[in-house]
Structures are given as C-alpha cells and as structure tokens.
N, C-alpha and C. Protein backbone atom coordinates (compact mmCIF):
# COMPACT_ATOMS: atom_id res chain seq x y z
N MET A 1 148.71 73.68 85.26
CA MET A 1 148.74 75.02 85.98
C MET A 1 147.94 75.04 87.14
N GLU A 2 146.86 74.17 87.25
CA GLU A 2 145.98 74.15 88.40
C GLU A 2 146.61 73.62 89.64
N PHE A 3 147.48 72.55 89.40
CA PHE A 3 148.19 72.05 90.67
C PHE A 3 149.23 73.07 91.15
N TYR A 4 149.72 73.84 90.24
CA TYR A 4 150.59 74.95 90.70
C TYR A 4 149.90 76.14 91.44
N ASN A 5 148.87 76.48 91.16
CA ASN A 5 148.08 77.43 92.01
C ASN A 5 147.72 76.80 93.31
N ILE A 6 147.26 75.55 93.36
CA ILE A 6 146.89 74.95 94.60
C ILE A 6 148.15 74.97 95.55
N PHE A 7 149.16 74.41 95.02
CA PHE A 7 150.44 74.38 95.85
C PHE A 7 151.02 75.76 96.25
N LEU A 8 150.80 76.69 95.38
CA LEU A 8 151.31 78.06 95.75
C LEU A 8 150.35 78.80 96.74
N ASN A 9 149.08 78.48 96.67
CA ASN A 9 148.22 79.16 97.75
C ASN A 9 148.42 78.50 99.08
N ALA A 10 148.66 77.04 99.00
CA ALA A 10 149.00 76.34 100.24
C ALA A 10 150.25 76.84 100.88
N HIS A 11 151.29 77.08 99.96
CA HIS A 11 152.58 77.57 100.54
C HIS A 11 152.51 78.89 101.16
N LYS A 12 151.71 79.74 100.43
CA LYS A 12 151.58 81.16 101.06
C LYS A 12 150.57 81.13 102.42
N GLY A 13 149.61 80.22 102.46
CA GLY A 13 148.81 80.10 103.54
C GLY A 13 149.52 79.65 104.78
N PHE A 14 150.48 78.69 104.58
CA PHE A 14 151.19 78.15 105.59
C PHE A 14 152.30 79.13 105.98
N GLY A 15 152.71 79.99 105.12
CA GLY A 15 153.62 81.04 105.42
C GLY A 15 153.20 81.95 106.54
N TYR A 16 151.93 82.46 106.43
CA TYR A 16 151.35 83.29 107.39
C TYR A 16 151.32 82.64 108.83
N LEU A 17 150.87 81.30 108.80
CA LEU A 17 150.87 80.63 110.05
C LEU A 17 152.22 80.38 110.67
N ILE A 18 153.25 80.09 109.88
CA ILE A 18 154.56 79.94 110.29
C ILE A 18 155.10 81.28 110.89
N LEU A 19 154.73 82.37 110.31
CA LEU A 19 155.07 83.63 110.86
C LEU A 19 154.70 83.82 112.24
N LEU A 20 153.47 83.49 112.64
CA LEU A 20 152.90 83.47 113.86
C LEU A 20 153.60 82.49 114.85
N LEU A 21 153.85 81.30 114.25
CA LEU A 21 154.48 80.27 115.14
C LEU A 21 155.88 80.58 115.40
N ALA A 22 156.56 81.09 114.53
CA ALA A 22 157.99 81.50 114.65
C ALA A 22 158.09 82.67 115.79
N ALA A 23 157.23 83.52 115.70
CA ALA A 23 157.11 84.69 116.57
C ALA A 23 156.83 84.16 118.05
N LEU A 24 155.87 83.18 118.26
CA LEU A 24 155.65 82.63 119.40
C LEU A 24 156.72 81.83 119.97
N PHE A 25 157.47 80.98 119.13
CA PHE A 25 158.59 80.29 119.48
C PHE A 25 159.76 81.20 119.97
N LEU A 26 160.04 82.29 119.18
CA LEU A 26 161.13 83.20 119.58
C LEU A 26 160.76 83.87 121.01
N VAL A 27 159.54 84.29 121.13
CA VAL A 27 159.22 84.90 122.46
C VAL A 27 159.25 83.97 123.53
N SER A 28 158.76 82.65 123.49
CA SER A 28 158.89 81.70 124.57
C SER A 28 160.38 81.27 124.77
N LEU A 29 161.25 81.33 123.69
CA LEU A 29 162.54 80.92 123.89
C LEU A 29 163.32 82.12 124.68
N VAL A 30 163.02 83.29 124.37
CA VAL A 30 163.66 84.38 125.06
C VAL A 30 163.15 84.45 126.58
N VAL A 31 161.93 84.28 126.75
CA VAL A 31 161.34 84.25 128.07
C VAL A 31 161.84 83.18 128.88
N THR A 32 162.05 82.07 128.35
CA THR A 32 162.64 80.91 129.05
C THR A 32 164.25 81.26 129.37
N MET A 33 164.78 81.70 128.30
CA MET A 33 166.27 82.02 128.49
C MET A 33 166.52 83.04 129.63
N PHE A 34 165.67 84.01 129.76
CA PHE A 34 165.92 85.07 130.76
C PHE A 34 165.12 84.82 131.96
N GLY A 35 164.44 83.61 132.16
CA GLY A 35 163.80 83.23 133.31
C GLY A 35 164.67 82.91 134.39
N PHE A 36 164.26 82.92 135.60
CA PHE A 36 165.03 82.53 136.81
C PHE A 36 165.68 81.20 136.88
N SER A 37 164.86 80.27 136.53
CA SER A 37 165.21 78.81 136.71
C SER A 37 166.02 78.33 135.39
N GLY A 38 165.49 78.72 134.18
CA GLY A 38 166.02 78.24 133.01
C GLY A 38 165.52 76.81 132.59
N ASN A 39 164.36 76.48 133.38
CA ASN A 39 163.61 75.25 133.05
C ASN A 39 162.93 75.44 131.74
N ILE A 40 162.87 74.31 130.91
CA ILE A 40 162.05 74.33 129.73
C ILE A 40 160.56 74.28 130.07
N SER A 41 159.82 75.31 129.64
CA SER A 41 158.42 75.38 130.01
C SER A 41 157.53 74.47 129.04
N LYS A 42 156.38 74.26 129.25
CA LYS A 42 155.33 73.59 128.34
C LYS A 42 155.09 74.37 127.22
N LEU A 43 155.03 75.75 127.33
CA LEU A 43 154.84 76.68 126.22
C LEU A 43 156.05 76.59 125.17
N LEU A 44 157.18 76.54 125.77
CA LEU A 44 158.31 76.38 124.83
C LEU A 44 158.32 75.10 124.11
N ARG A 45 158.06 74.01 124.79
CA ARG A 45 158.03 72.67 124.23
C ARG A 45 156.97 72.63 123.12
N LYS A 46 155.76 73.15 123.56
CA LYS A 46 154.70 73.05 122.35
C LYS A 46 154.92 73.90 121.25
N SER A 47 155.36 75.20 121.45
CA SER A 47 155.67 76.00 120.32
C SER A 47 156.91 75.59 119.44
N THR A 48 157.84 74.84 120.15
CA THR A 48 158.97 74.24 119.30
C THR A 48 158.36 73.18 118.46
N LEU A 49 157.53 72.39 119.03
CA LEU A 49 156.95 71.27 118.38
C LEU A 49 156.14 71.63 117.23
N PHE A 50 155.06 72.56 117.34
CA PHE A 50 154.32 73.07 116.30
C PHE A 50 155.07 73.79 115.22
N THR A 51 156.00 74.58 115.68
CA THR A 51 156.84 75.40 114.62
C THR A 51 157.49 74.40 113.82
N MET A 52 158.11 73.34 114.32
CA MET A 52 158.78 72.31 113.50
C MET A 52 157.89 71.62 112.58
N ILE A 53 156.72 71.20 113.17
CA ILE A 53 155.78 70.45 112.33
C ILE A 53 155.44 71.31 111.16
N PHE A 54 154.97 72.59 111.36
CA PHE A 54 154.49 73.43 110.23
C PHE A 54 155.71 73.75 109.27
N PHE A 55 156.87 73.86 109.73
CA PHE A 55 158.07 74.01 108.92
C PHE A 55 158.27 72.86 107.97
N HIS A 56 157.92 71.62 108.57
CA HIS A 56 158.13 70.50 107.71
C HIS A 56 156.94 70.42 106.67
N VAL A 57 155.83 70.75 107.13
CA VAL A 57 154.75 70.70 106.24
C VAL A 57 154.99 71.67 105.11
N GLN A 58 155.46 72.83 105.46
CA GLN A 58 155.80 73.93 104.46
C GLN A 58 156.89 73.35 103.40
N LEU A 59 157.76 72.66 104.04
CA LEU A 59 158.84 72.08 103.17
C LEU A 59 158.20 71.06 102.26
N LEU A 60 157.35 70.08 102.66
CA LEU A 60 156.80 69.17 101.82
C LEU A 60 155.90 69.78 100.82
N VAL A 61 155.33 71.00 100.98
CA VAL A 61 154.48 71.76 99.99
C VAL A 61 155.49 72.46 98.93
N GLY A 62 156.55 73.03 99.54
CA GLY A 62 157.34 73.91 98.68
C GLY A 62 158.34 73.18 97.77
N ILE A 63 158.79 71.97 98.14
CA ILE A 63 159.66 71.17 97.22
C ILE A 63 159.02 70.79 96.02
N PRO A 64 157.81 70.21 96.15
CA PRO A 64 157.06 69.97 94.78
C PRO A 64 156.67 71.16 93.97
N LEU A 65 156.45 72.34 94.72
CA LEU A 65 156.10 73.51 94.17
C LEU A 65 157.35 74.01 93.23
N LEU A 66 158.46 73.84 93.81
CA LEU A 66 159.77 74.39 93.14
C LEU A 66 160.14 73.47 92.01
N PHE A 67 160.42 72.19 92.29
CA PHE A 67 161.01 71.23 91.38
C PHE A 67 159.95 70.63 90.22
N ILE A 68 158.68 70.44 90.65
CA ILE A 68 157.73 69.95 89.75
C ILE A 68 156.86 70.91 89.05
N PHE A 69 156.23 71.89 89.73
CA PHE A 69 155.22 72.59 89.17
C PHE A 69 155.66 74.15 88.74
N SER A 70 156.83 74.47 89.21
CA SER A 70 157.19 75.91 88.90
C SER A 70 157.64 76.15 87.63
N PRO A 71 156.91 77.06 86.79
CA PRO A 71 157.40 77.40 85.46
C PRO A 71 158.59 78.36 85.51
N GLY A 72 158.79 79.19 86.49
CA GLY A 72 159.89 80.02 86.56
C GLY A 72 161.22 79.30 86.80
N PHE A 73 161.12 78.33 87.66
CA PHE A 73 162.41 77.42 87.84
C PHE A 73 162.80 76.71 86.59
N LYS A 74 161.78 76.23 85.84
CA LYS A 74 162.14 75.46 84.57
C LYS A 74 162.67 76.48 83.57
N ALA A 75 162.03 77.68 83.53
CA ALA A 75 162.58 78.75 82.53
C ALA A 75 163.94 79.25 82.90
N ALA A 76 164.19 79.24 84.22
CA ALA A 76 165.62 79.87 84.54
C ALA A 76 166.59 78.83 84.17
N LEU A 77 166.28 77.42 84.38
CA LEU A 77 167.17 76.41 84.07
C LEU A 77 167.38 76.34 82.64
N ALA A 78 166.38 76.49 81.89
CA ALA A 78 166.44 76.48 80.33
C ALA A 78 167.25 77.70 79.77
N GLN A 79 167.00 78.79 80.40
CA GLN A 79 167.72 79.96 79.91
C GLN A 79 169.18 80.02 80.44
N GLY A 80 169.57 79.30 81.51
CA GLY A 80 170.86 79.27 82.11
C GLY A 80 171.12 80.32 82.89
N ASN A 81 170.25 81.19 83.52
CA ASN A 81 170.43 82.17 84.41
C ASN A 81 169.95 82.04 85.84
N LEU A 82 169.97 80.84 86.30
CA LEU A 82 169.45 80.54 87.52
C LEU A 82 170.35 81.17 88.66
N MET A 83 171.60 81.16 88.55
CA MET A 83 172.64 81.78 89.55
C MET A 83 172.95 83.27 89.10
N SER A 84 172.87 83.61 87.94
CA SER A 84 173.31 84.86 87.53
C SER A 84 172.35 85.96 87.77
N ASP A 85 170.97 85.62 87.74
CA ASP A 85 169.84 86.62 88.09
C ASP A 85 169.62 86.58 89.51
N ALA A 86 169.64 87.81 90.25
CA ALA A 86 169.47 87.93 91.55
C ALA A 86 168.06 87.41 91.96
N TYR A 87 167.07 87.67 91.27
CA TYR A 87 165.71 87.25 91.65
C TYR A 87 165.63 85.71 91.65
N ASN A 88 166.12 85.12 90.51
CA ASN A 88 166.16 83.67 90.42
C ASN A 88 166.86 82.94 91.46
N ARG A 89 168.09 83.42 91.76
CA ARG A 89 168.94 82.94 92.80
C ARG A 89 168.29 82.94 94.19
N THR A 90 167.74 84.07 94.44
CA THR A 90 167.06 84.28 95.77
C THR A 90 165.76 83.24 95.83
N THR A 91 165.05 83.31 94.80
CA THR A 91 163.83 82.46 94.82
C THR A 91 163.98 80.98 94.79
N PHE A 92 164.82 80.55 93.90
CA PHE A 92 165.00 79.10 93.60
C PHE A 92 166.25 78.45 94.19
N VAL A 93 167.19 79.18 94.82
CA VAL A 93 168.30 78.66 95.47
C VAL A 93 168.38 78.98 96.95
N GLU A 94 168.47 80.28 97.23
CA GLU A 94 168.68 80.68 98.64
C GLU A 94 167.55 80.40 99.51
N HIS A 95 166.42 80.61 99.06
CA HIS A 95 165.10 80.52 99.80
C HIS A 95 164.89 79.05 100.23
N PRO A 96 164.98 78.13 99.18
CA PRO A 96 164.72 76.68 99.72
C PRO A 96 165.90 76.19 100.59
N PHE A 97 167.22 76.61 100.29
CA PHE A 97 168.28 76.07 101.05
C PHE A 97 168.29 76.54 102.50
N ALA A 98 168.05 77.82 102.74
CA ALA A 98 167.90 78.40 104.00
C ALA A 98 166.66 77.84 104.83
N MET A 99 165.65 77.66 104.20
CA MET A 99 164.49 76.99 104.86
C MET A 99 164.72 75.66 105.31
N ILE A 100 165.40 74.79 104.46
CA ILE A 100 165.75 73.44 104.80
C ILE A 100 166.68 73.53 105.93
N VAL A 101 167.77 74.32 106.07
CA VAL A 101 168.63 74.54 107.25
C VAL A 101 167.79 74.86 108.43
N ALA A 102 166.95 75.71 108.33
CA ALA A 102 166.11 76.13 109.43
C ALA A 102 165.24 74.97 110.00
N ALA A 103 164.64 74.22 109.05
CA ALA A 103 163.84 73.10 109.52
C ALA A 103 164.83 72.10 110.18
N VAL A 104 165.92 71.85 109.68
CA VAL A 104 166.88 70.90 110.40
C VAL A 104 167.25 71.34 111.79
N LEU A 105 167.55 72.73 111.89
CA LEU A 105 167.83 73.26 113.10
C LEU A 105 166.63 73.05 114.06
N LEU A 106 165.42 73.38 113.70
CA LEU A 106 164.25 73.22 114.42
C LEU A 106 164.09 71.79 114.85
N THR A 107 164.39 70.85 114.04
CA THR A 107 164.35 69.41 114.44
C THR A 107 165.19 69.09 115.54
N ILE A 108 166.48 69.61 115.45
CA ILE A 108 167.57 69.34 116.52
C ILE A 108 167.04 70.05 117.80
N ILE A 109 166.54 71.26 117.81
CA ILE A 109 165.88 71.91 118.96
C ILE A 109 164.82 71.12 119.60
N ASN A 110 163.89 70.59 118.79
CA ASN A 110 162.78 69.83 119.22
C ASN A 110 163.26 68.51 120.00
N LYS A 111 164.26 67.94 119.37
CA LYS A 111 164.85 66.69 120.06
C LYS A 111 165.43 67.03 121.30
N TYR A 112 166.13 68.20 121.37
CA TYR A 112 166.65 68.59 122.72
C TYR A 112 165.62 68.99 123.68
N MET A 113 164.47 69.64 123.31
CA MET A 113 163.49 69.98 124.23
C MET A 113 162.77 68.78 124.77
N LYS A 114 162.69 67.60 123.97
CA LYS A 114 162.04 66.46 124.42
C LYS A 114 162.84 65.71 125.54
N THR A 115 164.18 65.88 125.44
CA THR A 115 165.04 64.99 126.28
C THR A 115 165.72 65.75 127.51
N ASN A 116 165.60 67.07 127.60
CA ASN A 116 166.30 67.75 128.58
C ASN A 116 165.28 68.67 129.40
N GLU A 117 165.72 69.09 130.48
CA GLU A 117 164.83 69.84 131.35
C GLU A 117 165.26 71.33 131.48
N LYS A 118 166.52 71.59 131.20
CA LYS A 118 167.24 72.91 131.30
C LYS A 118 167.53 73.38 129.87
N LEU A 119 167.41 74.59 129.69
CA LEU A 119 167.71 75.20 128.46
C LEU A 119 169.17 75.64 128.36
N SER A 120 169.84 75.40 127.16
CA SER A 120 171.32 75.65 127.17
C SER A 120 171.62 76.77 126.20
N LEU A 121 172.65 77.34 126.21
CA LEU A 121 172.90 78.57 125.42
C LEU A 121 173.07 78.18 123.90
N LYS A 122 173.60 76.89 123.70
CA LYS A 122 173.68 76.50 122.23
C LYS A 122 172.43 76.25 121.56
N ILE A 123 171.35 75.87 122.34
CA ILE A 123 169.99 75.65 121.77
C ILE A 123 169.36 77.02 121.60
N VAL A 124 169.60 78.00 122.53
CA VAL A 124 169.07 79.37 122.22
C VAL A 124 169.75 79.91 120.84
N PHE A 125 171.03 79.71 120.67
CA PHE A 125 171.70 80.19 119.54
C PHE A 125 171.22 79.53 118.41
N MET A 126 170.96 78.23 118.33
CA MET A 126 170.44 77.61 117.10
C MET A 126 168.98 78.04 116.92
N GLY A 127 168.30 78.34 117.89
CA GLY A 127 166.79 78.78 117.74
C GLY A 127 166.84 80.17 117.16
N VAL A 128 167.67 80.99 117.56
CA VAL A 128 167.75 82.39 117.01
C VAL A 128 168.25 82.22 115.57
N LEU A 129 169.24 81.43 115.31
CA LEU A 129 169.80 81.27 113.88
C LEU A 129 168.66 80.76 112.97
N ALA A 130 167.99 79.86 113.47
CA ALA A 130 166.83 79.26 112.65
C ALA A 130 165.92 80.31 112.16
N ILE A 131 165.42 81.03 113.17
CA ILE A 131 164.46 82.17 113.00
C ILE A 131 165.07 83.35 112.11
N ALA A 132 166.31 83.47 112.24
CA ALA A 132 167.01 84.51 111.51
C ALA A 132 167.10 84.09 110.04
N LEU A 133 167.51 82.86 109.83
CA LEU A 133 167.41 82.39 108.47
C LEU A 133 166.06 82.47 107.87
N PHE A 134 165.10 82.13 108.56
CA PHE A 134 163.66 82.16 108.13
C PHE A 134 163.31 83.61 107.84
N ALA A 135 163.77 84.58 108.72
CA ALA A 135 163.29 85.90 108.35
C ALA A 135 164.08 86.56 107.21
N PHE A 136 165.38 85.94 107.12
CA PHE A 136 166.26 86.55 105.99
C PHE A 136 165.52 86.18 104.54
N VAL A 137 165.31 84.98 104.46
CA VAL A 137 164.80 84.55 103.09
C VAL A 137 163.37 84.59 102.89
N PHE A 138 162.49 85.01 104.06
CA PHE A 138 161.13 85.09 103.76
C PHE A 138 160.81 86.14 102.63
N PRO A 139 159.93 85.91 101.75
CA PRO A 139 159.58 86.91 100.72
C PRO A 139 158.60 87.90 101.14
N TRP A 140 159.11 88.88 102.08
CA TRP A 140 158.28 89.84 102.77
C TRP A 140 157.49 90.74 101.63
N THR A 141 158.11 91.24 100.59
CA THR A 141 157.46 92.12 99.63
C THR A 141 156.40 91.31 98.85
N ARG A 142 156.64 90.17 98.49
CA ARG A 142 155.56 89.30 97.79
C ARG A 142 154.51 88.99 98.69
N VAL A 143 154.76 88.66 99.92
CA VAL A 143 153.57 88.41 100.78
C VAL A 143 152.77 89.50 101.16
N PHE A 144 153.44 90.53 101.75
CA PHE A 144 152.81 91.66 102.18
C PHE A 144 152.63 92.99 101.26
N GLY A 145 153.15 92.83 100.09
CA GLY A 145 153.18 93.88 99.10
C GLY A 145 154.29 94.84 99.37
N GLY A 146 154.62 95.64 98.45
CA GLY A 146 155.71 96.58 98.76
C GLY A 146 156.28 97.40 97.56
C-alpha cells in the first residue's frame, strides 16, 4: 500500500503541473494562430515540449498506478463490473485511454513544431483536441473537491 500512496501522490502532483502547462500551451497556441505572421514562436515550441514531457511522465506514473498498485482496478475486475459501473469505467478505462490519446497527439504536435516554421490549422485542431480530451477526463471533483 505504501507504493500505491507514493504513486498516487506523484500522479496528483503532476496533475496540477500539467493543468498549468496545458493552459500555457493552449494560450500560446491561440496567440500564435491569431498572430499576424503565423510563425511558430519560441514560447509555443517550449510550452509544447514541456507539456508533452510532463504528459509522458504522468503516463509513466499513471500506468503502474492503474495496473499494478490500484486496489480499485483489481476489485472491479474481480467483481466483473469494470464497464457496467460508471465510476469504474470513467476511472479505469476512459481516463487512461483519453490521456494516452492526448499524449500521442502532443507528441505529433511537438514533432511538427520542431520541423516547421509556420503553424497549420490541422496542428491547431490537434492541439485543441488534445487539451479537450485532457479536460474532459480530468478528475476535477476529486482534485479540487466538489
């Protein structure tokens, strides 16, 4: 149980940091998109890079938390209500899947930012989609109370 608490606290702590980085990424993406030149700025490159890095670190902390240490996941599998219970489905299926998709999208965006000088609409769409997925499955009530 000790490792579970360590991983859970690390996962929550990185969650706060990712909230800030995702907001910075989204603001810099919108500012660049509506800028006169459409050139990718240093702020956008750095915010994309750090958001992607912390998403991946969060993923590396969250996957063992889910599959190895989580007593709730093991109980839901044993009881057979992983998909039938809304809480279990959201926590153990939708949350990890959407975060993996968002991390993959951010990796694609980061690769684009490194190799191109102009921002394209498809990258803006992928960035907004990644942040929307993140915001949709982020456990707002568990993190901030409610």
